Amino acid sequence: MTDFVALLRGVNVGGITVRSADLRALFVELGFADARTFLASGNVRFTADEDRETLKRRIERALGERFGYEAWIVLATCDELRAALAAFPFDASDPDRQPYIVFCADAEARDAVLALAADAPDDPVAEGPGVVYWNPPKGASVSTAFAKELARPRWKAVTTTRNVRTVEKIVA
């Protein structure tokens, strides 16, 4: 069995509301009795022995049917999240920064997201193992050039962003 994490994109923002209890219940119905949710941003940890791509499609379909929206997830293992945390290249404790990890569906998406980075010293972006690290100034996570690019519709189906502290809670 593999310890997976489903990172939902775009829930509890923009009119798409998914309560944690309902999300967990759906995963239990899908056969993941050990499913646990974390925070209200669409994070579910569970174990499964299915092929990753099959699992991703099955979960997205079930989310769409249950909650009535076009669902996208990034599916990663807990080990992958731990590796991403361990390699975070910025000072995650800097009170003037927002330490983020951008999870990407595949290497192609990651490389394309990296290409968006303007290499601005005040909005640093770096490559990680299957992820993109981003460390914008606190309060600017929707207004920097990188943030605006990342918010474009083309990234909806292949990326989702989490604060480092959220990822730490998921893998603890």
Protein backbone atom coordinates (compact mmCIF):
# COMPACT_ATOMS: atom_id res chain seq x y z
CA MET A 1 0.00 0.00 0.00
CA THR A 2 1.16 3.50 -0.82
CA ASP A 3 0.55 6.50 1.43
CA PHE A 4 -1.00 9.07 -0.95
CA VAL A 5 -2.08 12.68 -0.62
CA ALA A 6 -4.74 14.15 -2.87
CA LEU A 7 -4.27 17.90 -3.19
CA LEU A 8 -7.49 19.38 -4.56
CA ARG A 9 -7.30 22.48 -6.72
CA GLY A 10 -9.68 25.39 -6.22
CA VAL A 11 -11.94 24.19 -3.40
CA ASN A 12 -13.40 26.51 -0.79
CA VAL A 13 -12.60 29.49 -3.01
CA GLY A 14 -14.54 30.96 -5.90
CA GLY A 15 -17.87 29.45 -4.88
CA ILE A 16 -16.77 25.80 -4.75
CA THR A 17 -17.42 24.64 -1.20
CA VAL A 18 -16.36 21.20 -0.03
CA ARG A 19 -16.63 20.53 3.70
CA SER A 20 -13.85 18.41 5.16
CA ALA A 21 -16.31 15.91 6.64
CA ASP A 22 -18.02 15.46 3.25
CA LEU A 23 -14.66 15.10 1.54
CA ARG A 24 -13.53 12.44 3.98
CA ALA A 25 -16.86 10.61 3.63
CA LEU A 26 -16.43 10.50 -0.15
CA PHE A 27 -12.95 8.99 0.17
CA VAL A 28 -14.25 6.40 2.62
CA GLU A 29 -17.00 5.52 0.12
CA LEU A 30 -14.30 5.12 -2.53
CA GLY A 31 -12.72 2.46 -0.33
CA PHE A 32 -10.11 4.48 1.54
CA ALA A 33 -11.19 3.79 5.13
CA ASP A 34 -8.11 5.51 6.56
CA ALA A 35 -8.74 8.81 4.75
CA ARG A 36 -7.92 11.93 6.76
CA THR A 37 -8.48 15.53 5.75
CA PHE A 38 -6.25 18.46 6.68
CA LEU A 39 -7.40 22.06 6.89
CA ALA A 40 -10.10 23.42 4.59
CA SER A 41 -8.01 23.70 1.44
CA GLY A 42 -8.70 20.22 0.06
CA ASN A 43 -6.02 17.90 1.40
CA VAL A 44 -6.71 14.19 1.87
CA ARG A 45 -4.21 11.58 3.05
CA PHE A 46 -5.04 7.92 2.44
CA THR A 47 -3.51 4.59 1.47
CA ALA A 48 -4.15 2.71 -1.75
CA ASP A 49 -2.55 0.12 -3.97
CA GLU A 50 -3.95 1.35 -7.30
CA ASP A 51 -2.00 2.76 -10.21
CA ARG A 52 -1.53 6.51 -9.66
CA GLU A 53 -3.11 7.68 -12.92
CA THR A 54 -6.13 5.39 -12.53
CA LEU A 55 -6.54 6.54 -8.95
CA LYS A 56 -6.31 10.22 -9.94
CA ARG A 57 -9.00 9.84 -12.62
CA ARG A 58 -11.28 7.90 -10.27
CA ILE A 59 -11.00 10.50 -7.52
CA GLU A 60 -11.51 13.45 -9.88
CA ARG A 61 -14.60 11.82 -11.37
CA ALA A 62 -16.07 11.10 -7.92
CA LEU A 63 -15.36 14.64 -6.72
CA GLY A 64 -17.04 16.11 -9.78
CA GLU A 65 -20.10 13.89 -9.42
CA ARG A 66 -20.48 14.46 -5.68
CA PHE A 67 -19.73 18.18 -5.46
CA GLY A 68 -20.82 19.35 -8.92
CA TYR A 69 -17.67 20.95 -10.26
CA GLU A 70 -14.87 20.10 -12.68
CA ALA A 71 -12.43 18.57 -10.20
CA TRP A 72 -8.66 18.56 -10.52
CA ILE A 73 -6.19 17.06 -8.11
CA VAL A 74 -2.48 16.61 -7.87
CA LEU A 75 -1.83 13.16 -6.46
CA ALA A 76 1.46 12.67 -4.63
CA THR A 77 2.89 10.24 -2.12
CA CYS A 78 3.73 11.27 1.43
CA ASP A 79 7.35 10.46 0.64
CA GLU A 80 7.25 12.91 -2.27
CA LEU A 81 5.83 15.61 -0.01
CA ARG A 82 8.52 14.93 2.60
CA ALA A 83 11.23 15.15 -0.07
CA ALA A 84 9.79 18.46 -1.29
CA LEU A 85 9.80 19.84 2.25
CA ALA A 86 13.34 18.66 2.94
CA ALA A 87 14.64 20.41 -0.17
CA PHE A 88 12.83 23.75 0.38
CA PRO A 89 15.59 26.22 -0.55
CA PHE A 90 14.33 29.34 1.22
CA ASP A 91 14.02 30.31 4.88
CA ALA A 92 10.50 29.05 5.66
CA SER A 93 10.58 30.81 9.04
CA ASP A 94 11.13 34.31 7.56
CA PRO A 95 8.17 36.34 8.90
CA ASP A 96 8.26 38.62 5.86
CA ARG A 97 7.72 35.77 3.38
CA GLN A 98 5.06 33.23 2.39
CA PRO A 99 6.79 29.87 1.83
CA TYR A 100 4.92 27.95 -0.87
CA ILE A 101 5.31 24.72 -2.76
CA VAL A 102 3.63 24.53 -6.17
CA PHE A 103 2.73 20.90 -6.83
CA CYS A 104 2.61 19.96 -10.50
CA ALA A 105 0.88 17.04 -12.16
CA ASP A 106 4.00 16.10 -14.12
CA ALA A 107 7.49 17.23 -15.15
CA GLU A 108 6.16 19.00 -18.23
CA ALA A 109 3.86 21.17 -16.10
CA ARG A 110 6.67 21.84 -13.61
CA ASP A 111 9.04 22.93 -16.36
CA ALA A 112 6.39 25.20 -17.88
CA VAL A 113 5.66 26.79 -14.48
CA LEU A 114 9.37 27.34 -13.90
CA ALA A 115 9.56 29.12 -17.24
CA LEU A 116 7.05 31.68 -15.90
CA ALA A 117 9.42 32.85 -13.20
CA ALA A 118 10.80 36.31 -13.85
CA ASP A 119 13.87 35.59 -11.69
CA ALA A 120 12.96 38.62 -9.59
CA PRO A 121 14.94 38.76 -6.32
CA ASP A 122 11.86 39.98 -4.46
CA ASP A 123 9.74 37.05 -5.74
CA PRO A 124 12.07 34.03 -5.75
CA VAL A 125 11.15 30.78 -7.49
CA ALA A 126 13.23 27.58 -7.58
CA GLU A 127 12.99 24.06 -8.96
CA GLY A 128 12.45 21.14 -6.62
CA PRO A 129 11.81 17.39 -6.88
CA GLY A 130 8.62 17.39 -8.94
CA VAL A 131 7.63 20.80 -7.55
CA VAL A 132 8.31 24.51 -7.82
CA TYR A 133 9.28 26.46 -4.72
CA TRP A 134 7.99 29.99 -4.36
CA ASN A 135 8.72 32.51 -1.62
CA PRO A 136 6.83 35.76 -2.28
CA PRO A 137 6.71 38.65 0.17
CA LYS A 138 4.00 38.26 2.81
CA GLY A 139 0.77 39.82 1.54
CA ALA A 140 1.82 39.67 -2.12
CA SER A 141 0.93 36.08 -2.99
CA VAL A 142 -1.76 37.18 -5.44
CA SER A 143 -0.15 40.33 -6.80
CA THR A 144 3.34 39.40 -7.99
CA ALA A 145 4.00 38.71 -11.65
CA PHE A 146 4.53 35.01 -10.91
CA ALA A 147 1.29 34.86 -8.88
CA LYS A 148 -0.69 36.40 -11.72
CA GLU A 149 0.77 33.94 -14.23
CA LEU A 150 0.11 30.99 -11.93
CA ALA A 151 -3.54 32.08 -11.54
CA ARG A 152 -4.22 31.74 -15.27
CA PRO A 153 -6.80 29.08 -16.23
CA ARG A 154 -4.25 26.96 -18.11
CA TRP A 155 -2.70 25.87 -14.79
CA LYS A 156 -5.95 24.78 -13.09
CA ALA A 157 -5.76 21.15 -14.12
CA VAL A 158 -2.05 20.64 -13.51
CA THR A 159 -0.97 22.67 -10.46
CA THR A 160 -1.98 23.46 -6.93
CA THR A 161 -0.13 25.49 -4.32
CA ARG A 162 0.28 24.84 -0.60
CA ASN A 163 1.99 26.73 2.18
CA VAL A 164 4.96 24.84 3.64
CA ARG A 165 3.23 24.73 7.04
CA THR A 166 0.20 23.02 5.50
CA VAL A 167 2.42 20.37 3.92
CA GLU A 168 4.18 19.83 7.26
CA LYS A 169 0.80 19.12 8.89
CA ILE A 170 -0.20 16.69 6.16
CA VAL A 171 2.93 14.55 6.46
CA ALA A 172 3.32 14.69 10.26
